[in-house]
Amino acid sequence: MERLALLGVNPDLAAHEAGATLVSTAASRVAVYLLPTDEELMMARHTLALVWGA
């Protein structure tokens, strides 16, 4: 997240380490949230849809 400093992001490393959803400080120009995703599952579902024609 250090590379996002140009965009006004101030990371809250303690929140990130604690597994919080909001990982930017109140002084940050933009809010940064971590959202859990499962890209592999979505790719598998899209592949199945292509194979089965759904």
PDB file of N, CA and C in Angstrom:
ATOM      1  N   MET A   1       0.809  -1.192   0.000  1.00  0.00           N
ATOM      2  CA  MET A   1       0.000   0.000   0.000  1.00  0.00           C
ATOM      3  C   MET A   1       0.854   1.259   0.000  1.00  0.00           C
ATOM      4  N   GLU A   2       2.131   1.123   0.280  1.00  0.00           N
ATOM      5  CA  GLU A   2       2.994   2.302   0.290  1.00  0.00           C
ATOM      6  C   GLU A   2       3.016   2.985  -1.072  1.00  0.00           C
ATOM      7  N   ARG A   3       2.860   2.213  -2.141  1.00  0.00           N
ATOM      8  CA  ARG A   3       2.865   2.785  -3.484  1.00  0.00           C
ATOM      9  C   ARG A   3       1.620   3.619  -3.760  1.00  0.00           C
ATOM     10  N   LEU A   4       0.600   3.476  -2.941  1.00  0.00           N
ATOM     11  CA  LEU A   4      -0.629   4.236  -3.129  1.00  0.00           C
ATOM     12  C   LEU A   4      -0.582   5.599  -2.453  1.00  0.00           C
ATOM     13  N   ALA A   5       0.544   5.941  -1.863  1.00  0.00           N
ATOM     14  CA  ALA A   5       0.684   7.233  -1.185  1.00  0.00           C
ATOM     15  C   ALA A   5       0.460   8.391  -2.150  1.00  0.00           C
ATOM     16  N   LEU A   6       0.804   8.215  -3.415  1.00  0.00           N
ATOM     17  CA  LEU A   6       0.577   9.265  -4.417  1.00  0.00           C
ATOM     18  C   LEU A   6      -0.904   9.604  -4.565  1.00  0.00           C
ATOM     19  N   LEU A   7      -1.761   8.666  -4.220  1.00  0.00           N
ATOM     20  CA  LEU A   7      -3.199   8.878  -4.315  1.00  0.00           C
ATOM     21  C   LEU A   7      -3.794   9.397  -3.007  1.00  0.00           C
ATOM     22  N   GLY A   8      -2.950   9.611  -2.020  1.00  0.00           N
ATOM     23  CA  GLY A   8      -3.433  10.116  -0.740  1.00  0.00           C
ATOM     24  C   GLY A   8      -3.799   9.045   0.258  1.00  0.00           C
ATOM     25  N   VAL A   9      -3.320   7.825   0.038  1.00  0.00           N
ATOM     26  CA  VAL A   9      -3.624   6.723   0.950  1.00  0.00           C
ATOM     27  C   VAL A   9      -2.611   6.714   2.091  1.00  0.00           C
ATOM     28  N   ASN A  10      -3.125   6.704   3.308  1.00  0.00           N
ATOM     29  CA  ASN A  10      -2.304   6.529   4.503  1.00  0.00           C
ATOM     30  C   ASN A  10      -2.684   5.184   5.111  1.00  0.00           C
ATOM     31  N   PRO A  11      -1.844   4.167   4.941  1.00  0.00           N
ATOM     32  CA  PRO A  11      -2.211   2.843   5.433  1.00  0.00           C
ATOM     33  C   PRO A  11      -2.146   2.758   6.952  1.00  0.00           C
ATOM     34  N   ASP A  12      -3.052   1.981   7.508  1.00  0.00           N
ATOM     35  CA  ASP A  12      -3.045   1.651   8.935  1.00  0.00           C
ATOM     36  C   ASP A  12      -2.540   0.223   9.031  1.00  0.00           C
ATOM     37  N   LEU A  13      -1.236   0.079   9.207  1.00  0.00           N
ATOM     38  CA  LEU A  13      -0.621  -1.245   9.186  1.00  0.00           C
ATOM     39  C   LEU A  13      -1.089  -2.119  10.335  1.00  0.00           C
ATOM     40  N   ALA A  14      -1.373  -1.521  11.482  1.00  0.00           N
ATOM     41  CA  ALA A  14      -1.863  -2.298  12.625  1.00  0.00           C
ATOM     42  C   ALA A  14      -3.242  -2.891  12.306  1.00  0.00           C
ATOM     43  N   ALA A  15      -4.104  -2.108  11.669  1.00  0.00           N
ATOM     44  CA  ALA A  15      -5.425  -2.608  11.287  1.00  0.00           C
ATOM     45  C   ALA A  15      -5.292  -3.720  10.258  1.00  0.00           C
ATOM     46  N   HIS A  16      -4.363  -3.556   9.331  1.00  0.00           N
ATOM     47  CA  HIS A  16      -4.134  -4.574   8.314  1.00  0.00           C
ATOM     48  C   HIS A  16      -3.660  -5.874   8.953  1.00  0.00           C
ATOM     49  N   GLU A  17      -2.702  -5.776   9.858  1.00  0.00           N
ATOM     50  CA  GLU A  17      -2.188  -6.961  10.554  1.00  0.00           C
ATOM     51  C   GLU A  17      -3.265  -7.627  11.398  1.00  0.00           C
ATOM     52  N   ALA A  18      -4.201  -6.836  11.936  1.00  0.00           N
ATOM     53  CA  ALA A  18      -5.269  -7.378  12.777  1.00  0.00           C
ATOM     54  C   ALA A  18      -6.401  -7.993  11.964  1.00  0.00           C
ATOM     55  N   GLY A  19      -6.349  -7.841  10.630  1.00  0.00           N
ATOM     56  CA  GLY A  19      -7.374  -8.423   9.775  1.00  0.00           C
ATOM     57  C   GLY A  19      -8.620  -7.565   9.650  1.00  0.00           C
ATOM     58  N   ALA A  20      -8.492  -6.267   9.906  1.00  0.00           N
ATOM     59  CA  ALA A  20      -9.632  -5.360   9.808  1.00  0.00           C
ATOM     60  C   ALA A  20     -10.048  -5.167   8.354  1.00  0.00           C
ATOM     61  N   THR A  21     -11.270  -4.748   8.151  1.00  0.00           N
ATOM     62  CA  THR A  21     -11.767  -4.470   6.809  1.00  0.00           C
ATOM     63  C   THR A  21     -11.263  -3.121   6.312  1.00  0.00           C
ATOM     64  N   LEU A  22     -11.324  -2.098   7.168  1.00  0.00           N
ATOM     65  CA  LEU A  22     -10.821  -0.762   6.823  1.00  0.00           C
ATOM     66  C   LEU A  22      -9.348  -0.707   7.198  1.00  0.00           C
ATOM     67  N   VAL A  23      -8.472  -0.493   6.215  1.00  0.00           N
ATOM     68  CA  VAL A  23      -7.031  -0.543   6.466  1.00  0.00           C
ATOM     69  C   VAL A  23      -6.332   0.775   6.147  1.00  0.00           C
ATOM     70  N   SER A  24      -7.096   1.866   6.116  1.00  0.00           N
ATOM     71  CA  SER A  24      -6.494   3.190   5.945  1.00  0.00           C
ATOM     72  C   SER A  24      -6.827   4.027   7.178  1.00  0.00           C
ATOM     73  N   THR A  25      -5.991   5.021   7.435  1.00  0.00           N
ATOM     74  CA  THR A  25      -6.196   5.873   8.602  1.00  0.00           C
ATOM     75  C   THR A  25      -7.268   6.919   8.324  1.00  0.00           C
ATOM     76  N   ALA A  26      -7.705   7.589   9.368  1.00  0.00           N
ATOM     77  CA  ALA A  26      -8.685   8.662   9.216  1.00  0.00           C
ATOM     78  C   ALA A  26      -8.099   9.834   8.436  1.00  0.00           C
ATOM     79  N   ALA A  27      -6.772   9.985   8.441  1.00  0.00           N
ATOM     80  CA  ALA A  27      -6.113  11.073   7.718  1.00  0.00           C
ATOM     81  C   ALA A  27      -5.958  10.782   6.229  1.00  0.00           C
ATOM     82  N   SER A  28      -6.296   9.591   5.812  1.00  0.00           N
ATOM     83  CA  SER A  28      -6.176   9.206   4.406  1.00  0.00           C
ATOM     84  C   SER A  28      -7.202   9.953   3.566  1.00  0.00           C
ATOM     85  N   ARG A  29      -6.802  10.407   2.370  1.00  0.00           N
ATOM     86  CA  ARG A  29      -7.735  11.101   1.470  1.00  0.00           C
ATOM     87  C   ARG A  29      -8.782  10.160   0.899  1.00  0.00           C
ATOM     88  N   VAL A  30      -8.455   8.893   0.829  1.00  0.00           N
ATOM     89  CA  VAL A  30      -9.405   7.877   0.365  1.00  0.00           C
ATOM     90  C   VAL A  30      -9.416   6.723   1.357  1.00  0.00           C
ATOM     91  N   ALA A  31     -10.550   6.073   1.463  1.00  0.00           N
ATOM     92  CA  ALA A  31     -10.671   4.909   2.332  1.00  0.00           C
ATOM     93  C   ALA A  31     -10.248   3.663   1.565  1.00  0.00           C
ATOM     94  N   VAL A  32      -9.527   2.788   2.236  1.00  0.00           N
ATOM     95  CA  VAL A  32      -9.079   1.534   1.622  1.00  0.00           C
ATOM     96  C   VAL A  32      -9.656   0.388   2.443  1.00  0.00           C
ATOM     97  N   TYR A  33     -10.410  -0.469   1.772  1.00  0.00           N
ATOM     98  CA  TYR A  33     -11.033  -1.613   2.412  1.00  0.00           C
ATOM     99  C   TYR A  33     -10.485  -2.901   1.804  1.00  0.00           C
ATOM    100  N   LEU A  34     -10.341  -3.919   2.623  1.00  0.00           N
ATOM    101  CA  LEU A  34      -9.984  -5.244   2.139  1.00  0.00           C
ATOM    102  C   LEU A  34     -11.255  -6.070   2.091  1.00  0.00           C
ATOM    103  N   LEU A  35     -11.537  -6.615   0.940  1.00  0.00           N
ATOM    104  CA  LEU A  35     -12.732  -7.425   0.756  1.00  0.00           C
ATOM    105  C   LEU A  35     -12.309  -8.842   0.400  1.00  0.00           C
ATOM    106  N   PRO A  36     -12.783  -9.817   1.175  1.00  0.00           N
ATOM    107  CA  PRO A  36     -12.414 -11.202   0.860  1.00  0.00           C
ATOM    108  C   PRO A  36     -13.041 -11.628  -0.472  1.00  0.00           C
ATOM    109  N   THR A  37     -12.251 -12.281  -1.283  1.00  0.00           N
ATOM    110  CA  THR A  37     -12.741 -12.762  -2.577  1.00  0.00           C
ATOM    111  C   THR A  37     -12.278 -14.189  -2.803  1.00  0.00           C
ATOM    112  N   ASP A  38     -12.882 -14.848  -3.736  1.00  0.00           N
ATOM    113  CA  ASP A  38     -12.479 -16.196  -4.124  1.00  0.00           C
ATOM    114  C   ASP A  38     -12.448 -16.241  -5.648  1.00  0.00           C
ATOM    115  N   GLU A  39     -11.379 -15.686  -6.220  1.00  0.00           N
ATOM    116  CA  GLU A  39     -11.275 -15.589  -7.671  1.00  0.00           C
ATOM    117  C   GLU A  39     -11.293 -16.957  -8.340  1.00  0.00           C
ATOM    118  N   GLU A  40     -10.670 -17.944  -7.709  1.00  0.00           N
ATOM    119  CA  GLU A  40     -10.613 -19.274  -8.308  1.00  0.00           C
ATOM    120  C   GLU A  40     -12.013 -19.865  -8.454  1.00  0.00           C
ATOM    121  N   LEU A  41     -12.860 -19.675  -7.444  1.00  0.00           N
ATOM    122  CA  LEU A  41     -14.230 -20.175  -7.522  1.00  0.00           C
ATOM    123  C   LEU A  41     -14.996 -19.493  -8.648  1.00  0.00           C
ATOM    124  N   MET A  42     -14.830 -18.187  -8.785  1.00  0.00           N
ATOM    125  CA  MET A  42     -15.531 -17.468  -9.846  1.00  0.00           C
ATOM    126  C   MET A  42     -15.056 -17.917 -11.225  1.00  0.00           C
ATOM    127  N   MET A  43     -13.749 -18.142 -11.381  1.00  0.00           N
ATOM    128  CA  MET A  43     -13.243 -18.623 -12.664  1.00  0.00           C
ATOM    129  C   MET A  43     -13.796 -20.008 -12.976  1.00  0.00           C
ATOM    130  N   ALA A  44     -13.875 -20.854 -11.966  1.00  0.00           N
ATOM    131  CA  ALA A  44     -14.424 -22.196 -12.172  1.00  0.00           C
ATOM    132  C   ALA A  44     -15.891 -22.120 -12.572  1.00  0.00           C
ATOM    133  N   ARG A  45     -16.663 -21.251 -11.940  1.00  0.00           N
ATOM    134  CA  ARG A  45     -18.075 -21.113 -12.287  1.00  0.00           C
ATOM    135  C   ARG A  45     -18.254 -20.586 -13.710  1.00  0.00           C
ATOM    136  N   HIS A  46     -17.440 -19.615 -14.097  1.00  0.00           N
ATOM    137  CA  HIS A  46     -17.532 -19.078 -15.455  1.00  0.00           C
ATOM    138  C   HIS A  46     -17.123 -20.134 -16.477  1.00  0.00           C
ATOM    139  N   THR A  47     -16.113 -20.908 -16.162  1.00  0.00           N
ATOM    140  CA  THR A  47     -15.681 -21.980 -17.069  1.00  0.00           C
ATOM    141  C   THR A  47     -16.779 -23.009 -17.239  1.00  0.00           C
ATOM    142  N   LEU A  48     -17.409 -23.395 -16.124  1.00  0.00           N
ATOM    143  CA  LEU A  48     -18.514 -24.347 -16.210  1.00  0.00           C
ATOM    144  C   LEU A  48     -19.652 -23.791 -17.062  1.00  0.00           C
ATOM    145  N   ALA A  49     -19.950 -22.527 -16.895  1.00  0.00           N
ATOM    146  CA  ALA A  49     -21.010 -21.914 -17.689  1.00  0.00           C
ATOM    147  C   ALA A  49     -20.665 -21.944 -19.177  1.00  0.00           C
ATOM    148  N   LEU A  50     -19.403 -21.717 -19.512  1.00  0.00           N
ATOM    149  CA  LEU A  50     -18.986 -21.770 -20.918  1.00  0.00           C
ATOM    150  C   LEU A  50     -19.068 -23.189 -21.471  1.00  0.00           C
ATOM    151  N   VAL A  51     -18.624 -24.158 -20.653  1.00  0.00           N
ATOM    152  CA  VAL A  51     -18.607 -25.548 -21.111  1.00  0.00           C
ATOM    153  C   VAL A  51     -20.028 -26.089 -21.278  1.00  0.00           C
ATOM    154  N   TRP A  52     -20.891 -25.770 -20.333  1.00  0.00           N
ATOM    155  CA  TRP A  52     -22.258 -26.297 -20.359  1.00  0.00           C
ATOM    156  C   TRP A  52     -23.211 -25.391 -21.123  1.00  0.00           C
ATOM    157  N   GLY A  53     -22.743 -24.251 -21.579  1.00  0.00           N
ATOM    158  CA  GLY A  53     -23.569 -23.375 -22.401  1.00  0.00           C
ATOM    159  C   GLY A  53     -24.644 -22.621 -21.626  1.00  0.00           C
ATOM    160  N   ALA A  54     -24.436 -22.447 -20.369  1.00  0.00           N
ATOM    161  CA  ALA A  54     -25.453 -21.747 -19.559  1.00  0.00           C
ATOM    162  C   ALA A  54     -25.220 -20.261 -19.560  1.00  0.00           C
TER     163      ALA A  54
END
